Amino acid sequence: MKSLAAMILAITVATGLQGCASAIIASGGGSAAPAPSRSDQLITRDVNTALVKASDVRATGIRVTTVRGVVTLRGTVGSTRAIVRASEITRRIPGVKRVRNFLTVIQR
């Protein structure tokens, strides 16, 4: 029984090390650490700030939520162009993995 446990441990360690080596090789030799992911709270703050600063998007009608780097835009804007711009602006924010745009146009 002890030899079976020892064999399972050896296989587990060998497999784990092989996976680590593959990850190091795939990432370019391990010389650069992967960029840390940004918190959803920071991403949401930065998206809101960028949308407010954009002169071609009226951000007061946009609600921004972020879950694991996926940003969701909800609300109303004044034009189809503003919907497109809101997505473009959001995609430029560091840490954004995907944008879900549920904005609609409201005629004023």
C-alpha atoms as a PDB file:
ATOM      1  CA  MET A   1       0.000   0.000   0.000  1.00  0.00           C
ATOM      2  CA  LYS A   2       2.880   2.363   0.831  1.00  0.00           C
ATOM      3  CA  SER A   3       4.487   1.687  -2.529  1.00  0.00           C
ATOM      4  CA  LEU A   4       1.238   2.508  -4.322  1.00  0.00           C
ATOM      5  CA  ALA A   5       1.005   5.823  -2.466  1.00  0.00           C
ATOM      6  CA  ALA A   6       4.657   6.565  -3.265  1.00  0.00           C
ATOM      7  CA  MET A   7       4.072   5.793  -6.947  1.00  0.00           C
ATOM      8  CA  ILE A   8       0.997   8.047  -7.088  1.00  0.00           C
ATOM      9  CA  LEU A   9       2.954  10.847  -5.402  1.00  0.00           C
ATOM     10  CA  ALA A  10       5.840  10.448  -7.874  1.00  0.00           C
ATOM     11  CA  ILE A  11       3.478  10.570 -10.858  1.00  0.00           C
ATOM     12  CA  THR A  12       1.687  13.616  -9.449  1.00  0.00           C
ATOM     13  CA  VAL A  13       4.953  15.482  -8.882  1.00  0.00           C
ATOM     14  CA  ALA A  14       6.317  14.563 -12.316  1.00  0.00           C
ATOM     15  CA  THR A  15       3.105  15.606 -14.048  1.00  0.00           C
ATOM     16  CA  GLY A  16       2.982  18.868 -12.114  1.00  0.00           C
ATOM     17  CA  LEU A  17       6.568  19.731 -13.006  1.00  0.00           C
ATOM     18  CA  GLN A  18       5.957  18.934 -16.644  1.00  0.00           C
ATOM     19  CA  GLY A  19       3.006  21.341 -16.655  1.00  0.00           C
ATOM     20  CA  CYS A  20       5.158  24.063 -15.079  1.00  0.00           C
ATOM     21  CA  ALA A  21       7.866  23.613 -17.689  1.00  0.00           C
ATOM     22  CA  SER A  22       5.300  23.854 -20.475  1.00  0.00           C
ATOM     23  CA  ALA A  23       3.886  27.045 -18.989  1.00  0.00           C
ATOM     24  CA  ILE A  24       7.346  28.599 -18.720  1.00  0.00           C
ATOM     25  CA  ILE A  25       8.230  27.690 -22.304  1.00  0.00           C
ATOM     26  CA  ALA A  26       4.864  28.940 -23.624  1.00  0.00           C
ATOM     27  CA  SER A  27       5.280  32.253 -21.852  1.00  0.00           C
ATOM     28  CA  GLY A  28       8.630  32.959 -23.450  1.00  0.00           C
ATOM     29  CA  GLY A  29      11.069  31.304 -21.100  1.00  0.00           C
ATOM     30  CA  GLY A  30       9.722  32.655 -17.846  1.00  0.00           C
ATOM     31  CA  SER A  31      11.645  35.919 -18.032  1.00  0.00           C
ATOM     32  CA  ALA A  32       8.587  38.149 -17.629  1.00  0.00           C
ATOM     33  CA  ALA A  33       5.919  37.737 -14.974  1.00  0.00           C
ATOM     34  CA  PRO A  34       2.316  37.906 -16.194  1.00  0.00           C
ATOM     35  CA  ALA A  35       0.606  41.222 -15.602  1.00  0.00           C
ATOM     36  CA  PRO A  36      -1.525  41.146 -12.475  1.00  0.00           C
ATOM     37  CA  SER A  37      -5.229  41.431 -13.135  1.00  0.00           C
ATOM     38  CA  ARG A  38      -6.918  44.636 -12.017  1.00  0.00           C
ATOM     39  CA  SER A  39      -9.800  44.615  -9.596  1.00  0.00           C
ATOM     40  CA  ASP A  40     -13.311  44.967 -10.949  1.00  0.00           C
ATOM     41  CA  GLN A  41     -13.765  48.056  -8.789  1.00  0.00           C
ATOM     42  CA  LEU A  42     -10.776  49.803 -10.409  1.00  0.00           C
ATOM     43  CA  ILE A  43     -11.906  48.822 -13.891  1.00  0.00           C
ATOM     44  CA  THR A  44     -15.415  50.177 -13.231  1.00  0.00           C
ATOM     45  CA  ARG A  45     -13.990  53.426 -11.864  1.00  0.00           C
ATOM     46  CA  ASP A  46     -11.693  53.870 -14.862  1.00  0.00           C
ATOM     47  CA  VAL A  47     -14.474  53.109 -17.368  1.00  0.00           C
ATOM     48  CA  ASN A  48     -16.775  55.643 -15.687  1.00  0.00           C
ATOM     49  CA  THR A  49     -14.017  58.266 -15.687  1.00  0.00           C
ATOM     50  CA  ALA A  50     -13.190  57.660 -19.359  1.00  0.00           C
ATOM     51  CA  LEU A  51     -16.841  57.833 -20.393  1.00  0.00           C
ATOM     52  CA  VAL A  52     -17.379  61.099 -18.490  1.00  0.00           C
ATOM     53  CA  LYS A  53     -14.310  62.629 -20.164  1.00  0.00           C
ATOM     54  CA  ALA A  54     -15.493  61.621 -23.647  1.00  0.00           C
ATOM     55  CA  SER A  55     -17.179  64.580 -25.287  1.00  0.00           C
ATOM     56  CA  ASP A  56     -19.101  62.408 -27.763  1.00  0.00           C
ATOM     57  CA  VAL A  57     -20.754  60.162 -25.156  1.00  0.00           C
ATOM     58  CA  ARG A  58     -23.261  61.381 -22.595  1.00  0.00           C
ATOM     59  CA  ALA A  59     -22.214  59.150 -19.710  1.00  0.00           C
ATOM     60  CA  THR A  60     -24.881  60.233 -17.247  1.00  0.00           C
ATOM     61  CA  GLY A  61     -27.267  57.641 -18.686  1.00  0.00           C
ATOM     62  CA  ILE A  62     -24.774  54.767 -18.552  1.00  0.00           C
ATOM     63  CA  ARG A  63     -24.468  52.266 -15.704  1.00  0.00           C
ATOM     64  CA  VAL A  64     -21.201  50.305 -15.614  1.00  0.00           C
ATOM     65  CA  THR A  65     -20.673  46.992 -13.836  1.00  0.00           C
ATOM     66  CA  THR A  66     -17.639  44.717 -13.952  1.00  0.00           C
ATOM     67  CA  VAL A  67     -17.389  41.042 -13.045  1.00  0.00           C
ATOM     68  CA  ARG A  68     -14.025  39.282 -13.504  1.00  0.00           C
ATOM     69  CA  GLY A  69     -12.936  41.829 -16.100  1.00  0.00           C
ATOM     70  CA  VAL A  70     -16.139  41.604 -18.137  1.00  0.00           C
ATOM     71  CA  VAL A  71     -17.680  45.071 -18.301  1.00  0.00           C
ATOM     72  CA  THR A  72     -21.413  45.508 -18.840  1.00  0.00           C
ATOM     73  CA  LEU A  73     -22.805  48.812 -20.089  1.00  0.00           C
ATOM     74  CA  ARG A  74     -26.526  49.486 -19.543  1.00  0.00           C
ATOM     75  CA  GLY A  75     -28.667  52.554 -20.006  1.00  0.00           C
ATOM     76  CA  THR A  76     -29.496  55.074 -22.673  1.00  0.00           C
ATOM     77  CA  VAL A  77     -27.489  57.351 -24.942  1.00  0.00           C
ATOM     78  CA  GLY A  78     -28.382  59.890 -27.611  1.00  0.00           C
ATOM     79  CA  SER A  79     -27.193  58.080 -30.746  1.00  0.00           C
ATOM     80  CA  THR A  80     -26.033  54.830 -32.276  1.00  0.00           C
ATOM     81  CA  ARG A  81     -22.581  56.397 -32.613  1.00  0.00           C
ATOM     82  CA  ALA A  82     -22.491  56.924 -28.820  1.00  0.00           C
ATOM     83  CA  ILE A  83     -23.187  53.200 -28.314  1.00  0.00           C
ATOM     84  CA  VAL A  84     -20.211  52.312 -30.516  1.00  0.00           C
ATOM     85  CA  ARG A  85     -17.947  54.918 -28.871  1.00  0.00           C
ATOM     86  CA  ALA A  86     -18.835  53.698 -25.373  1.00  0.00           C
ATOM     87  CA  SER A  87     -17.658  50.197 -26.324  1.00  0.00           C
ATOM     88  CA  GLU A  88     -14.481  51.520 -27.950  1.00  0.00           C
ATOM     89  CA  ILE A  89     -13.620  53.620 -24.902  1.00  0.00           C
ATOM     90  CA  THR A  90     -14.334  50.746 -22.524  1.00  0.00           C
ATOM     91  CA  ARG A  91     -12.146  48.271 -24.445  1.00  0.00           C
ATOM     92  CA  ARG A  92      -9.124  50.571 -24.009  1.00  0.00           C
ATOM     93  CA  ILE A  93      -9.227  50.383 -20.217  1.00  0.00           C
ATOM     94  CA  PRO A  94      -6.520  48.100 -18.768  1.00  0.00           C
ATOM     95  CA  GLY A  95      -7.959  44.894 -17.341  1.00  0.00           C
ATOM     96  CA  VAL A  96     -11.074  44.804 -19.529  1.00  0.00           C
ATOM     97  CA  LYS A  97     -11.430  41.317 -20.977  1.00  0.00           C
ATOM     98  CA  ARG A  98     -14.769  41.767 -22.719  1.00  0.00           C
ATOM     99  CA  VAL A  99     -17.492  44.398 -23.137  1.00  0.00           C
ATOM    100  CA  ARG A 100     -21.193  43.567 -23.005  1.00  0.00           C
ATOM    101  CA  ASN A 101     -23.026  46.564 -24.425  1.00  0.00           C
ATOM    102  CA  PHE A 102     -26.754  46.774 -23.684  1.00  0.00           C
ATOM    103  CA  LEU A 103     -27.045  50.506 -24.328  1.00  0.00           C
ATOM    104  CA  THR A 104     -30.084  51.788 -26.206  1.00  0.00           C
ATOM    105  CA  VAL A 105     -30.773  55.013 -28.080  1.00  0.00           C
ATOM    106  CA  ILE A 106     -33.326  57.398 -26.665  1.00  0.00           C
ATOM    107  CA  GLN A 107     -34.610  60.206 -28.865  1.00  0.00           C
ATOM    108  CA  ARG A 108     -34.623  63.594 -27.128  1.00  0.00           C
END
